[in-house]
C-alpha atoms as a PDB file:
ATOM      1  CA  MET A   1     112.992  39.815 100.021  1.00  0.00           C
ATOM      2  CA  THR A   2     109.981  39.592 101.476  1.00  0.00           C
ATOM      3  CA  GLU A   3     107.216  42.681 100.392  1.00  0.00           C
ATOM      4  CA  HIS A   4     106.980  44.324 103.124  1.00  0.00           C
ATOM      5  CA  THR A   5     110.614  44.449 103.433  1.00  0.00           C
ATOM      6  CA  GLN A   6     110.764  45.686  99.788  1.00  0.00           C
ATOM      7  CA  SER A   7     108.184  48.388 101.326  1.00  0.00           C
ATOM      8  CA  THR A   8     110.138  49.251 103.687  1.00  0.00           C
ATOM      9  CA  LEU A   9     113.203  49.366 101.529  1.00  0.00           C
ATOM     10  CA  SER A  10     111.491  51.774  99.380  1.00  0.00           C
ATOM     11  CA  LEU A  11     109.855  53.822 102.259  1.00  0.00           C
ATOM     12  CA  ASP A  12     112.877  54.387 104.017  1.00  0.00           C
ATOM     13  CA  GLU A  13     114.477  55.675 100.139  1.00  0.00           C
ATOM     14  CA  ALA A  14     111.579  57.840  99.947  1.00  0.00           C
ATOM     15  CA  ALA A  15     111.844  60.004 102.813  1.00  0.00           C
ATOM     16  CA  ARG A  16     115.810  60.028 102.286  1.00  0.00           C
ATOM     17  CA  ARG A  17     114.623  61.863  99.422  1.00  0.00           C
ATOM     18  CA  LEU A  18     112.545  63.800 101.153  1.00  0.00           C
ATOM     19  CA  ASP A  19     114.421  64.744 103.243  1.00  0.00           C
ATOM     20  CA  HIS A  20     117.424  65.865 101.112  1.00  0.00           C
ATOM     21  CA  ALA A  21     114.616  67.702  98.590  1.00  0.00           C
ATOM     22  CA  LEU A  22     113.024  69.953 102.287  1.00  0.00           C
ATOM     23  CA  ALA A  23     117.502  70.898 102.536  1.00  0.00           C
ATOM     24  CA  ARG A  24     118.275  71.799  98.977  1.00  0.00           C
ATOM     25  CA  LEU A  25     115.174  74.303  99.092  1.00  0.00           C
ATOM     26  CA  GLU A  26     116.031  75.353 102.729  1.00  0.00           C
ATOM     27  CA  VAL A  27     119.843  76.210 101.053  1.00  0.00           C
ATOM     28  CA  ARG A  28     117.633  78.205  98.237  1.00  0.00           C
ATOM     29  CA  MET A  29     115.006  79.384 100.502  1.00  0.00           C
ATOM     30  CA  SER A  30     117.847  81.272 102.160  1.00  0.00           C
ATOM     31  CA  ALA A  31     119.610  82.396 100.014  1.00  0.00           C
ATOM     32  CA  LEU A  32     116.615  84.354  97.627  1.00  0.00           C
ATOM     33  CA  ALA A  33     115.886  85.546 101.689  1.00  0.00           C
ATOM     34  CA  SER A  34     119.654  87.536 101.880  1.00  0.00           C
ATOM     35  CA  GLN A  35     119.476  88.223  98.158  1.00  0.00           C
ATOM     36  CA  ALA A  36     115.800  90.475  99.028  1.00  0.00           C
ATOM     37  CA  GLN A  37     117.249  91.473 101.705  1.00  0.00           C
ATOM     38  CA  GLY A  38     120.097  93.291  99.753  1.00  0.00           C
ATOM     39  CA  ALA A  39     117.590  94.299  97.633  1.00  0.00           C
ATOM     40  CA  ASN A  40     115.492  96.051  99.790  1.00  0.00           C
ATOM     41  CA  GLY A  41     118.560  97.799 101.087  1.00  0.00           C
ATOM     42  CA  GLY A  42     119.303  99.261  97.495  1.00  0.00           C
ATOM     43  CA  LEU A  43     115.980 100.032  96.893  1.00  0.00           C
ATOM     44  CA  PHE A  44     115.675 102.394 100.648  1.00  0.00           C
ATOM     45  CA  ASP A  45     118.892 103.615  99.604  1.00  0.00           C
ATOM     46  CA  GLU A  46     117.636 104.689  96.362  1.00  0.00           C
ATOM     47  CA  ASP A  47     114.509 106.228  97.621  1.00  0.00           C
ATOM     48  CA  ARG A  48     116.235 108.162 100.019  1.00  0.00           C
ATOM     49  CA  ALA A  49     118.251 109.400  97.718  1.00  0.00           C
ATOM     50  CA  ASN A  50     115.055 110.241  95.423  1.00  0.00           C
ATOM     51  CA  LEU A  51     114.140 112.092  98.667  1.00  0.00           C
ATOM     52  CA  ALA A  52     117.215 114.567  99.320  1.00  0.00           C
ATOM     53  CA  THR A  53     116.674 115.270  95.019  1.00  0.00           C
ATOM     54  CA  GLN A  54     112.569 116.256  95.997  1.00  0.00           C
ATOM     55  CA  LEU A  55     113.665 118.402  99.606  1.00  0.00           C
ATOM     56  CA  ASP A  56     116.598 120.185  97.190  1.00  0.00           C
ATOM     57  CA  ALA A  57     114.467 120.756  94.385  1.00  0.00           C
ATOM     58  CA  ALA A  58     111.470 122.437  96.610  1.00  0.00           C
ATOM     59  CA  ARG A  59     113.727 123.606  98.914  1.00  0.00           C
ATOM     60  CA  GLY A  60     114.584 126.242  95.438  1.00  0.00           C
ATOM     61  CA  ARG A  61     111.310 126.529  94.678  1.00  0.00           C
ATOM     62  CA  GLU A  62     111.269 127.891  98.126  1.00  0.00           C
ATOM     63  CA  ARG A  63     113.515 130.238  97.625  1.00  0.00           C
ATOM     64  CA  GLU A  64     111.607 132.080  94.114  1.00  0.00           C
ATOM     65  CA  LEU A  65     108.274 131.701  95.968  1.00  0.00           C
ATOM     66  CA  ALA A  66     110.187 134.134  98.998  1.00  0.00           C
ATOM     67  CA  GLU A  67     111.946 135.878  96.254  1.00  0.00           C
ATOM     68  CA  ALA A  68     109.143 136.611  94.490  1.00  0.00           C
ATOM     69  CA  GLY A  69     106.520 137.356  97.104  1.00  0.00           C
ATOM     70  CA  ALA A  70     109.067 140.226  98.183  1.00  0.00           C
ATOM     71  CA  ALA A  71     109.181 141.540  95.047  1.00  0.00           C
ATOM     72  CA  ALA A  72     105.681 141.635  94.735  1.00  0.00           C
ATOM     73  CA  SER A  73     105.628 143.040  98.301  1.00  0.00           C
ATOM     74  CA  ALA A  74     108.139 145.890  96.846  1.00  0.00           C
ATOM     75  CA  ALA A  75     106.170 146.351  94.037  1.00  0.00           C
ATOM     76  CA  LEU A  76     102.547 147.343  96.125  1.00  0.00           C
ATOM     77  CA  ASP A  77     104.700 149.600  99.108  1.00  0.00           C
ATOM     78  CA  ARG A  78     105.455 151.418  95.338  1.00  0.00           C
ATOM     79  CA  ALA A  79     102.061 151.612  94.341  1.00  0.00           C
ATOM     80  CA  ILE A  80     100.638 152.653  97.793  1.00  0.00           C
ATOM     81  CA  ALA A  81     103.108 155.198  97.935  1.00  0.00           C
ATOM     82  CA  GLY A  82     102.493 156.372  94.730  1.00  0.00           C
ATOM     83  CA  MET A  83      98.331 156.368  94.899  1.00  0.00           C
ATOM     84  CA  ARG A  84      98.739 158.335  98.057  1.00  0.00           C
ATOM     85  CA  THR A  85     100.734 160.803  96.482  1.00  0.00           C
ATOM     86  CA  ALA A  86      98.124 161.567  93.605  1.00  0.00           C
ATOM     87  CA  LEU A  87      95.424 161.700  97.194  1.00  0.00           C
ATOM     88  CA  GLY A  88      97.578 164.412  98.950  1.00  0.00           C
ATOM     89  CA  ASP A  89      98.258 162.247 101.991  1.00  0.00           C
END
């Protein structure tokens, strides 16, 4: 075999090995991309559930504040009525 033929064979072998490594890399990248998409969907569901829980808590606080506001308004009405009575209105 000549030196040129040996170089060509070595280059062909290196190209074949590079192609094989790139194919394995593509398979691995595809698997990782699929895995990441699955994880993102799970994160979205988790985030949505967390937001729903926070919304329920906020609605509960809103009801409590509305009840406290109504109670304060009723107490003010009673106080005003008492003051009017005391002043003779």
